[in-house]
Amino acid sequence: MQKKQKFNVILIVMDTVRADHLSCYGYHRKTTPNIDKLANKGVVFENAFSASTWTPPSHASIFSGKYPFQHGTLGKNVKFREKFSLASVLQRHGYRTVGITDCCLLSSVTGFDRGFDLFINTSEIPLFSRKFIKEKFKDIFRTVLQGYDKHTYRINEIIKKILNGYVKEKPFFLFINYFNAHVPYNPPKPFRNKFTKDNSGVKDKKIKRIASGEAKQDFLRGKISISKREWDIVISLYDGELAYLDYRLSELFKFLEDKGIIDDTFLIITSDHGEYFGEHGLAGHVLNLYDEIIHVPLIMVYPKHLPNGERISNIVSTVDIFPTMIDLLGIKSALLWDRLPGVSLRPFENKKFHEFIFAESDYVVPEEKRIPKIHKRCKCIRTESHKYIYSPESEELYDLIKDPSEQTNLAQKFPEKVSYFKKILNMVIQLYGGGLLSSRDREIIRRLRKDIM
């Protein structure tokens, strides 16, 4: 693949999809047969990690190639203000840029339309307009027949109309956020019961509360317990949502193929974060930094230019997407590369890209809902073999080789390792955030950096 080659770019973010629930990542259910087929034509990053635990900071990191504490889209401030983003850079280099989503957190109000020639949030279509009323009637009719699909069908129809007008013009960048795997889990027929053997449980009021997200606070506070069978039913509904999304993606892939677009398109499929189903006593997302929440799928496909069926086991981050794209486009601007923690993933082979990755959770919970032991602002360093999680309330250390499910906290047992990882964490903040490092540690950190990087 030559530099400065103009190609289309499609970035698909499957909101709230954890990597270990895709069948091409080894899941026991066949949830994503169509994504699997596409993955066989490209590169699968088996150990990709999101930079954050919820939608705005995670997307901001994907768009900018920066960590949350760098771009500042976190906490109460969820405004995306980065001057250079994937959309704005591609726009400046002759691309038509289009974004489409059904997520209210990704909108013109929060600044995520920056750099897009056209940005559509299906929840922002003006009320009482002829277009809104027409689409609403279609949605109601489709919902009555099949069930609510979180506007996935509509998003695909809009994409087809847009691309029909673009295929003969200059290259395009298309960003899509699909919201299917986010609560509430209530997939359309026939996907609602696709993975549920005991259908009677799906209609249970408690199951509905869990699947809707309404029971989350009660579960976190210990007011209700959720049995393994109940979680299994909820997970089957989540998997049904993912299978439905996979079905709709197959329609999009076929459209791209029929139009002759796919061969000239660099396609990226990823997620912003995962989801907890009772692991570590947690539910939903946002909370802490265990692999269930930060391990996300990352698949890159560019027919005839990327390796077919390549699987990369070394750790990478979603902050690598931005530098990968500007590298492929041959953009060498120092302003773009300055303080980027991510790296280009070219040449897309199984080599070591990072010694460690960094992730951060800084969601501000209203005081009346805050649970001190659970709602913690935390940061982590994850290597191939260990994870260190720091918060003002606690420190956690896990041996991922012996304990991949992160059950045994070794922080008290190995204080020297905790100190080692804490210094790496401080080094990351110093290098990319302006510096919070004490002077007495600087020489140690310089030696550490030399050994690590």
Protein backbone atom coordinates (compact mmCIF):
# COMPACT_ATOMS: atom_id res chain seq x y z
CA MET A 1 0.00 0.00 0.00
CA GLN A 2 1.52 3.31 -1.05
CA LYS A 3 1.43 6.49 0.93
CA LYS A 4 -0.73 9.43 -0.17
CA GLN A 5 -3.17 7.05 -1.82
CA LYS A 6 -6.71 8.42 -1.61
CA PHE A 7 -9.15 5.83 -0.37
CA ASN A 8 -12.52 5.98 1.32
CA VAL A 9 -12.59 5.50 5.09
CA ILE A 10 -15.50 3.99 7.01
CA LEU A 11 -15.28 3.92 10.79
CA ILE A 12 -17.96 1.80 12.47
CA VAL A 13 -18.23 2.05 16.26
CA MET A 14 -20.53 -0.58 17.74
CA ASP A 15 -21.52 1.09 20.99
CA THR A 16 -21.16 -1.01 24.16
CA VAL A 17 -19.77 -4.13 22.44
CA ARG A 18 -17.22 -6.15 24.37
CA ALA A 19 -14.72 -8.11 22.30
CA ASP A 20 -15.34 -11.49 23.90
CA HIS A 21 -18.96 -11.56 22.64
CA LEU A 22 -17.99 -11.62 18.95
CA SER A 23 -17.71 -15.10 17.47
CA CYS A 24 -14.54 -14.09 15.60
CA TYR A 25 -13.03 -13.42 19.04
CA GLY A 26 -13.80 -16.96 20.19
CA TYR A 27 -17.26 -16.49 21.71
CA HIS A 28 -19.20 -19.74 22.09
CA ARG A 29 -22.28 -18.31 20.35
CA LYS A 30 -22.38 -17.46 16.64
CA THR A 31 -23.29 -13.81 17.27
CA THR A 32 -21.45 -12.17 14.38
CA PRO A 33 -21.22 -14.46 11.30
CA ASN A 34 -21.14 -11.53 8.87
CA ILE A 35 -18.48 -9.60 10.76
CA ASP A 36 -16.54 -12.89 10.96
CA LYS A 37 -16.56 -13.23 7.16
CA LEU A 38 -15.31 -9.70 6.76
CA ALA A 39 -12.66 -10.22 9.46
CA ASN A 40 -11.27 -13.14 7.46
CA LYS A 41 -10.49 -10.65 4.69
CA GLY A 42 -8.57 -8.30 6.96
CA VAL A 43 -6.75 -7.89 10.25
CA VAL A 44 -8.17 -8.76 13.68
CA PHE A 45 -6.49 -7.15 16.68
CA GLU A 46 -7.20 -9.68 19.40
CA ASN A 47 -6.10 -7.48 22.28
CA ALA A 48 -7.34 -3.97 21.57
CA PHE A 49 -8.31 -1.71 24.46
CA SER A 50 -10.42 1.40 24.71
CA ALA A 51 -8.98 4.51 26.35
CA SER A 52 -12.08 4.99 28.49
CA THR A 53 -15.22 3.38 29.84
CA TRP A 54 -18.07 5.41 28.36
CA THR A 55 -19.11 7.00 25.11
CA PRO A 56 -17.87 10.65 24.93
CA PRO A 57 -14.27 10.21 26.16
CA SER A 58 -13.87 6.94 24.25
CA HIS A 59 -15.03 8.47 20.97
CA ALA A 60 -12.93 11.58 21.59
CA SER A 61 -9.87 9.33 21.95
CA ILE A 62 -10.72 7.47 18.74
CA PHE A 63 -11.20 10.75 16.87
CA SER A 64 -8.12 12.53 18.23
CA GLY A 65 -5.63 9.77 19.07
CA LYS A 66 -5.28 11.23 22.58
CA TYR A 67 -5.97 9.99 26.08
CA PRO A 68 -8.98 11.42 27.96
CA PHE A 69 -6.88 13.59 30.28
CA GLN A 70 -5.35 15.15 27.14
CA HIS A 71 -8.51 15.97 25.20
CA GLY A 72 -10.55 16.77 28.32
CA THR A 73 -13.82 15.20 27.16
CA LEU A 74 -14.59 13.55 30.48
CA GLY A 75 -16.24 14.15 33.83
CA LYS A 76 -19.02 16.71 33.66
CA ASN A 77 -17.41 18.31 30.64
CA VAL A 78 -18.32 16.13 27.68
CA LYS A 79 -17.66 18.75 25.02
CA PHE A 80 -15.32 17.62 22.24
CA ARG A 81 -13.05 20.59 21.53
CA GLU A 82 -10.02 19.10 19.78
CA LYS A 83 -8.91 21.19 16.82
CA PHE A 84 -7.45 18.20 15.00
CA SER A 85 -9.68 15.17 14.70
CA LEU A 86 -9.92 12.36 12.19
CA ALA A 87 -12.85 14.13 10.51
CA SER A 88 -11.26 17.59 10.41
CA VAL A 89 -7.91 16.30 9.12
CA LEU A 90 -9.53 14.24 6.38
CA GLN A 91 -11.78 17.18 5.53
CA ARG A 92 -8.71 19.40 5.04
CA HIS A 93 -7.19 16.76 2.77
CA GLY A 94 -10.05 16.69 0.31
CA TYR A 95 -12.47 14.21 1.87
CA ARG A 96 -16.22 14.56 2.17
CA THR A 97 -16.91 13.81 5.82
CA VAL A 98 -20.17 12.33 7.09
CA GLY A 99 -21.16 11.20 10.58
CA ILE A 100 -24.34 9.43 11.64
CA THR A 101 -25.48 8.16 15.04
CA ASP A 102 -28.49 7.55 17.25
CA CYS A 103 -26.59 8.37 20.47
CA CYS A 104 -27.65 11.65 22.09
CA LEU A 105 -24.16 12.06 23.62
CA LEU A 106 -22.62 12.30 20.14
CA SER A 107 -24.22 15.37 18.65
CA SER A 108 -23.74 18.96 17.56
CA VAL A 109 -24.50 19.98 21.15
CA THR A 110 -21.48 18.07 22.50
CA GLY A 111 -19.19 19.12 19.65
CA PHE A 112 -18.83 15.76 17.95
CA ASP A 113 -19.97 17.24 14.64
CA ARG A 114 -16.63 19.07 14.43
CA GLY A 115 -14.98 18.44 11.07
CA PHE A 116 -18.01 16.83 9.43
CA ASP A 117 -19.58 18.26 6.29
CA LEU A 118 -22.75 16.43 7.27
CA PHE A 119 -23.52 15.12 10.75
CA ILE A 120 -26.82 13.37 11.42
CA ASN A 121 -28.11 12.36 14.82
CA THR A 122 -31.38 10.51 14.26
CA SER A 123 -32.64 11.70 17.64
CA GLU A 124 -32.16 15.34 16.59
CA ILE A 125 -34.46 15.39 13.55
CA PRO A 126 -36.68 18.48 14.16
CA LEU A 127 -40.04 17.67 15.67
CA PHE A 128 -43.13 18.36 13.58
CA SER A 129 -41.14 18.52 10.35
CA ARG A 130 -42.58 16.56 7.44
CA LYS A 131 -39.44 14.38 7.36
CA PHE A 132 -39.70 13.58 11.08
CA ILE A 133 -43.39 12.64 10.88
CA LYS A 134 -42.81 10.43 7.83
CA GLU A 135 -39.89 8.61 9.45
CA LYS A 136 -41.74 8.31 12.76
CA PHE A 137 -44.67 6.55 11.10
CA LYS A 138 -42.25 4.15 9.41
CA ASP A 139 -40.57 3.47 12.76
CA ILE A 140 -43.89 2.82 14.49
CA PHE A 141 -45.00 0.42 11.75
CA ARG A 142 -41.67 -1.44 11.82
CA THR A 143 -41.67 -1.54 15.64
CA VAL A 144 -45.18 -3.04 15.75
CA LEU A 145 -44.13 -5.78 13.32
CA GLN A 146 -40.63 -6.56 14.59
CA GLY A 147 -39.72 -4.54 17.67
CA TYR A 148 -37.63 -1.41 18.26
CA ASP A 149 -34.23 -1.52 16.55
CA LYS A 150 -32.72 1.76 17.85
CA HIS A 151 -32.92 3.30 14.36
CA THR A 152 -30.37 0.89 12.86
CA TYR A 153 -32.51 0.24 9.78
CA ARG A 154 -33.04 3.98 9.32
CA ILE A 155 -29.32 4.70 9.70
CA ASN A 156 -28.52 2.20 6.94
CA GLU A 157 -31.14 3.70 4.64
CA ILE A 158 -29.71 7.18 5.19
CA ILE A 159 -26.19 5.89 4.49
CA LYS A 160 -27.31 4.32 1.21
CA LYS A 161 -28.88 7.58 0.04
CA ILE A 162 -25.78 9.57 0.97
CA LEU A 163 -23.29 7.18 -0.64
CA ASN A 164 -25.33 6.91 -3.81
CA GLY A 165 -24.50 10.57 -4.33
CA TYR A 166 -20.85 10.31 -3.30
CA VAL A 167 -19.48 7.29 -5.13
CA LYS A 168 -18.45 9.26 -8.21
CA GLU A 169 -17.10 12.26 -6.35
CA LYS A 170 -14.06 12.78 -4.12
CA PRO A 171 -13.23 10.19 -1.44
CA PHE A 172 -15.35 10.15 1.69
CA PHE A 173 -14.94 9.53 5.38
CA LEU A 174 -18.02 7.96 6.98
CA PHE A 175 -18.38 7.56 10.75
CA ILE A 176 -21.24 5.42 12.06
CA ASN A 177 -22.20 4.74 15.67
CA TYR A 178 -24.67 1.88 16.09
CA PHE A 179 -26.45 1.81 19.45
CA ASN A 180 -27.94 -1.72 19.44
CA ALA A 181 -25.87 -3.29 22.21
CA HIS A 182 -26.61 -0.48 24.67
CA VAL A 183 -29.40 -0.91 27.22
CA PRO A 184 -32.27 -1.54 26.94
CA TYR A 185 -31.68 -5.06 25.59
CA ASN A 186 -34.81 -5.81 23.62
CA PRO A 187 -33.78 -7.00 20.16
CA PRO A 188 -36.31 -7.16 17.33
CA LYS A 189 -37.85 -10.46 16.28
CA PRO A 190 -36.60 -13.10 15.57
CA PHE A 191 -33.39 -12.11 17.39
CA ARG A 192 -35.14 -11.61 20.73
CA ASN A 193 -35.24 -15.34 21.42
CA LYS A 194 -32.30 -16.38 19.25
CA PHE A 195 -30.08 -17.42 22.17
CA THR A 196 -32.69 -17.97 24.90
CA LYS A 197 -33.68 -21.58 25.47
CA ASP A 198 -36.10 -20.85 28.31
CA ASN A 199 -38.27 -18.13 26.77
CA SER A 200 -40.49 -17.84 29.83
CA GLY A 201 -37.76 -15.97 31.69
CA VAL A 202 -37.60 -13.19 29.12
CA LYS A 203 -41.04 -11.92 30.17
CA ASP A 204 -40.20 -11.84 33.86
CA LYS A 205 -40.52 -8.33 35.37
CA LYS A 206 -37.16 -8.57 37.09
CA ILE A 207 -35.43 -9.62 33.86
CA LYS A 208 -37.01 -6.66 32.10
CA ARG A 209 -35.72 -4.30 34.82
CA ILE A 210 -32.20 -5.69 34.50
CA ALA A 211 -32.25 -5.69 30.69
CA SER A 212 -33.55 -2.11 30.64
CA GLY A 213 -30.82 -0.89 32.99
CA GLU A 214 -33.37 0.16 35.63
CA ALA A 215 -32.07 -2.36 38.19
CA LYS A 216 -28.44 -1.25 37.94
CA GLN A 217 -28.37 1.07 40.97
CA ASP A 218 -30.23 -1.42 43.19
CA PHE A 219 -27.78 -4.17 42.20
CA LEU A 220 -24.72 -1.99 42.85
CA ARG A 221 -26.09 -0.99 46.25
CA GLY A 222 -26.81 -4.60 47.19
CA LYS A 223 -30.57 -4.03 47.38
CA ILE A 224 -31.23 -6.87 44.95
CA SER A 225 -29.31 -9.98 43.96
CA ILE A 226 -29.17 -11.32 40.43
CA SER A 227 -28.76 -15.05 39.94
CA LYS A 228 -26.57 -16.68 37.30
CA ARG A 229 -29.68 -17.83 35.42
CA GLU A 230 -31.03 -14.26 35.40
CA TRP A 231 -27.73 -12.89 34.12
CA ASP A 232 -27.65 -15.65 31.47
CA ILE A 233 -31.05 -14.57 30.17
CA VAL A 234 -29.99 -10.90 30.11
CA ILE A 235 -26.78 -11.85 28.30
CA SER A 236 -28.80 -13.81 25.73
CA LEU A 237 -30.78 -10.62 25.01
CA TYR A 238 -27.54 -8.62 24.70
CA ASP A 239 -26.20 -11.26 22.31
CA GLY A 240 -29.45 -11.03 20.35
CA GLU A 241 -28.90 -7.28 19.95
CA LEU A 242 -25.39 -7.96 18.67
CA ALA A 243 -26.66 -10.63 16.25
CA TYR A 244 -29.28 -8.20 14.94
CA LEU A 245 -26.62 -5.54 14.41
CA ASP A 246 -24.50 -8.10 12.57
CA TYR A 247 -27.50 -8.83 10.32
CA ARG A 248 -27.94 -5.15 9.50
CA LEU A 249 -24.19 -4.77 8.92
CA SER A 250 -24.39 -7.57 6.33
CA GLU A 251 -26.87 -5.38 4.43
CA LEU A 252 -24.46 -2.46 4.56
CA PHE A 253 -21.53 -4.64 3.45
CA LYS A 254 -23.57 -5.97 0.51
CA PHE A 255 -24.51 -2.44 -0.52
CA LEU A 256 -20.84 -1.39 -0.47
CA GLU A 257 -19.97 -4.46 -2.52
CA ASP A 258 -22.75 -3.97 -5.08
CA LYS A 259 -21.77 -0.33 -5.55
CA GLY A 260 -18.10 -1.22 -6.03
CA ILE A 261 -17.17 0.88 -3.00
CA ILE A 262 -15.68 -1.80 -0.76
CA ASP A 263 -12.48 -2.36 -2.80
CA ASP A 264 -11.48 1.31 -2.44
CA THR A 265 -12.44 1.58 1.22
CA PHE A 266 -10.44 1.25 4.40
CA LEU A 267 -12.97 -0.20 6.86
CA ILE A 268 -12.53 -0.06 10.64
CA ILE A 269 -14.88 -1.85 13.03
CA THR A 270 -14.47 -1.24 16.74
CA SER A 271 -16.32 -0.32 19.95
CA ASP A 272 -16.11 2.46 22.51
CA HIS A 273 -16.37 0.21 25.59
CA GLY A 274 -17.80 -3.07 26.84
CA GLU A 275 -20.36 -3.98 29.50
CA TYR A 276 -20.46 -5.77 32.87
CA PHE A 277 -22.88 -8.63 33.53
CA GLY A 278 -22.27 -9.13 37.23
CA GLU A 279 -18.49 -9.60 36.96
CA HIS A 280 -16.68 -7.99 39.91
CA GLY A 281 -20.12 -7.22 41.36
CA LEU A 282 -20.70 -4.63 38.63
CA ALA A 283 -23.38 -3.94 36.02
CA GLY A 284 -23.52 -1.66 32.98
CA HIS A 285 -20.40 0.29 32.04
CA VAL A 286 -18.50 3.41 33.14
CA LEU A 287 -17.31 1.66 36.32
CA ASN A 288 -13.65 0.73 36.92
CA LEU A 289 -11.25 -0.57 34.28
CA TYR A 290 -11.49 -4.35 34.17
CA ASP A 291 -11.09 -6.05 30.80
CA GLU A 292 -14.84 -6.63 30.47
CA ILE A 293 -15.16 -2.88 29.98
CA ILE A 294 -11.99 -1.86 28.09
CA HIS A 295 -11.28 -4.92 25.88
CA VAL A 296 -12.97 -4.04 22.60
CA PRO A 297 -13.00 -5.45 19.08
CA LEU A 298 -10.77 -3.83 16.47
CA ILE A 299 -10.93 -5.09 12.89
CA MET A 300 -9.39 -3.40 9.87
CA VAL A 301 -10.18 -4.39 6.29
CA TYR A 302 -8.84 -3.01 3.01
CA PRO A 303 -9.16 -5.64 0.26
CA LYS A 304 -6.03 -6.26 -1.81
CA HIS A 305 -3.95 -4.00 0.44
CA LEU A 306 -4.11 -5.47 3.97
CA PRO A 307 -3.23 -9.05 4.87
CA ASN A 308 -6.11 -11.51 4.71
CA GLY A 309 -6.96 -13.37 7.89
CA GLU A 310 -4.16 -11.78 9.92
CA ARG A 311 -4.61 -11.98 13.70
CA ILE A 312 -2.49 -9.75 15.91
CA SER A 313 -2.20 -10.81 19.54
CA ASN A 314 -0.03 -7.95 20.81
CA ILE A 315 -1.76 -5.18 22.76
CA VAL A 316 -3.00 -2.09 20.91
CA SER A 317 -5.28 0.82 21.80
CA THR A 318 -8.12 2.68 20.14
CA VAL A 319 -5.87 5.78 20.28
CA ASP A 320 -3.87 4.03 17.52
CA ILE A 321 -6.66 4.50 14.96
CA PHE A 322 -5.96 8.20 14.37
CA PRO A 323 -2.17 7.90 13.84
CA THR A 324 -2.71 4.83 11.65
CA MET A 325 -4.96 6.79 9.29
CA ILE A 326 -2.76 9.88 9.06
CA ASP A 327 0.26 7.62 8.49
CA LEU A 328 -1.50 5.82 5.63
CA LEU A 329 -2.39 9.17 4.09
CA GLY A 330 1.25 10.27 4.34
CA ILE A 331 0.50 13.26 6.59
CA LYS A 332 3.68 14.29 8.40
CA SER A 333 2.55 17.48 10.17
CA ALA A 334 4.35 17.89 13.50
CA LEU A 335 1.21 19.53 14.91
CA LEU A 336 -0.73 16.30 14.38
CA TRP A 337 1.89 13.98 15.79
CA ASP A 338 2.75 16.17 18.81
CA ARG A 339 1.98 14.37 22.08
CA LEU A 340 0.17 11.50 20.42
CA PRO A 341 0.43 8.44 22.66
CA GLY A 342 -0.84 6.15 19.91
CA VAL A 343 1.21 4.63 17.10
CA SER A 344 0.52 3.65 13.52
CA LEU A 345 -0.45 -0.01 13.24
CA ARG A 346 1.15 -0.33 9.85
CA PRO A 347 2.51 -2.76 8.56
CA PHE A 348 -0.38 -4.72 10.15
CA GLU A 349 1.63 -7.70 11.29
CA ASN A 350 2.01 -9.40 14.65
CA LYS A 351 4.74 -7.26 16.15
CA LYS A 352 4.94 -5.37 19.44
CA PHE A 353 3.36 -1.93 19.11
CA HIS A 354 3.19 -1.03 22.83
CA GLU A 355 4.87 -2.12 26.01
CA PHE A 356 1.71 -1.03 27.82
CA ILE A 357 -1.60 0.73 27.22
CA PHE A 358 -3.32 3.35 29.36
CA ALA A 359 -7.02 3.76 30.10
CA GLU A 360 -9.03 6.07 32.31
CA SER A 361 -12.45 6.28 33.95
CA ASP A 362 -13.61 9.68 35.17
CA TYR A 363 -17.39 9.65 35.00
CA VAL A 364 -18.93 12.13 37.45
CA VAL A 365 -21.79 10.49 39.36
CA PRO A 366 -24.34 12.72 41.14
CA GLU A 367 -23.57 12.73 44.87
CA GLU A 368 -26.89 11.15 45.80
CA LYS A 369 -26.14 8.17 43.52
CA ARG A 370 -22.44 7.80 44.32
CA ILE A 371 -21.23 4.57 45.93
CA PRO A 372 -17.66 5.30 47.19
CA LYS A 373 -16.31 1.76 46.76
CA ILE A 374 -17.70 1.49 43.23
CA HIS A 375 -17.87 4.95 41.64
CA LYS A 376 -14.13 5.57 41.60
CA ARG A 377 -12.15 7.81 39.31
CA CYS A 378 -9.38 5.53 38.19
CA LYS A 379 -6.56 5.04 35.71
CA CYS A 380 -4.81 1.88 34.64
CA ILE A 381 -1.67 0.59 33.04
CA ARG A 382 -2.10 -2.71 31.24
CA THR A 383 0.77 -4.78 29.87
CA GLU A 384 0.64 -8.19 28.21
CA SER A 385 0.94 -9.83 31.62
CA HIS A 386 -0.25 -7.38 34.31
CA LYS A 387 -2.79 -4.70 35.05
CA TYR A 388 -2.40 -1.92 37.61
CA ILE A 389 -5.47 0.15 38.51
CA TYR A 390 -5.03 3.32 40.56
CA SER A 391 -7.74 5.39 42.20
CA PRO A 392 -7.58 7.79 45.18
CA GLU A 393 -9.45 5.13 47.20
CA SER A 394 -7.46 2.02 46.26
CA GLU A 395 -4.79 0.31 44.21
CA GLU A 396 -5.20 -2.99 42.37
CA LEU A 397 -2.66 -5.27 40.73
CA TYR A 398 -3.48 -8.38 38.70
CA ASP A 399 -1.36 -11.10 37.15
CA LEU A 400 -3.23 -11.57 33.86
CA ILE A 401 -1.38 -14.76 32.95
CA LYS A 402 -2.42 -16.62 36.11
CA ASP A 403 -5.59 -14.62 36.74
CA PRO A 404 -7.07 -13.41 33.43
CA SER A 405 -10.47 -12.67 35.02
CA GLU A 406 -8.84 -10.24 37.50
CA GLN A 407 -10.12 -11.82 40.70
CA THR A 408 -7.07 -11.70 43.01
CA ASN A 409 -5.72 -8.27 43.92
CA LEU A 410 -1.95 -8.61 44.48
CA ALA A 411 -1.29 -4.98 45.41
CA GLN A 412 -0.52 -5.63 49.07
CA LYS A 413 1.51 -8.74 48.31
CA PHE A 414 3.82 -7.06 45.80
CA PRO A 415 4.34 -3.40 46.83
CA GLU A 416 7.49 -3.11 44.70
CA LYS A 417 5.49 -3.95 41.57
CA VAL A 418 2.82 -1.45 42.57
CA SER A 419 5.53 1.21 42.90
CA TYR A 420 6.91 0.23 39.48
CA PHE A 421 3.55 0.56 37.73
CA LYS A 422 2.70 3.75 39.60
CA LYS A 423 5.86 5.33 38.22
CA ILE A 424 4.87 4.27 34.70
CA LEU A 425 1.45 5.85 35.28
CA ASN A 426 3.07 9.09 36.42
CA MET A 427 5.38 8.96 33.42
CA VAL A 428 2.40 8.75 31.05
CA ILE A 429 0.78 11.76 32.71
CA GLN A 430 4.05 13.70 32.57
CA LEU A 431 4.82 12.89 28.96
CA TYR A 432 1.36 13.54 27.57
CA GLY A 433 -0.37 15.78 30.07
CA GLY A 434 2.14 18.42 31.09
CA GLY A 435 3.58 16.75 34.17
CA LEU A 436 2.52 15.83 37.70
CA LEU A 437 5.78 14.12 38.60
CA SER A 438 7.86 14.84 41.69
CA SER A 439 11.45 15.91 41.01
CA ARG A 440 12.99 13.09 43.05
CA ASP A 441 11.43 10.53 40.74
CA ARG A 442 12.60 12.07 37.47
CA GLU A 443 15.90 10.17 37.24
CA ILE A 444 14.16 6.90 38.11
CA ILE A 445 11.55 7.58 35.47
CA ARG A 446 14.19 8.36 32.85
CA ARG A 447 15.82 4.97 33.50
CA LEU A 448 12.40 3.32 33.56
CA ARG A 449 11.46 4.88 30.25
CA LYS A 450 14.68 3.66 28.69
CA ASP A 451 13.99 0.10 29.88
CA ILE A 452 10.31 0.12 28.91
CA MET A 453 10.20 2.18 25.72
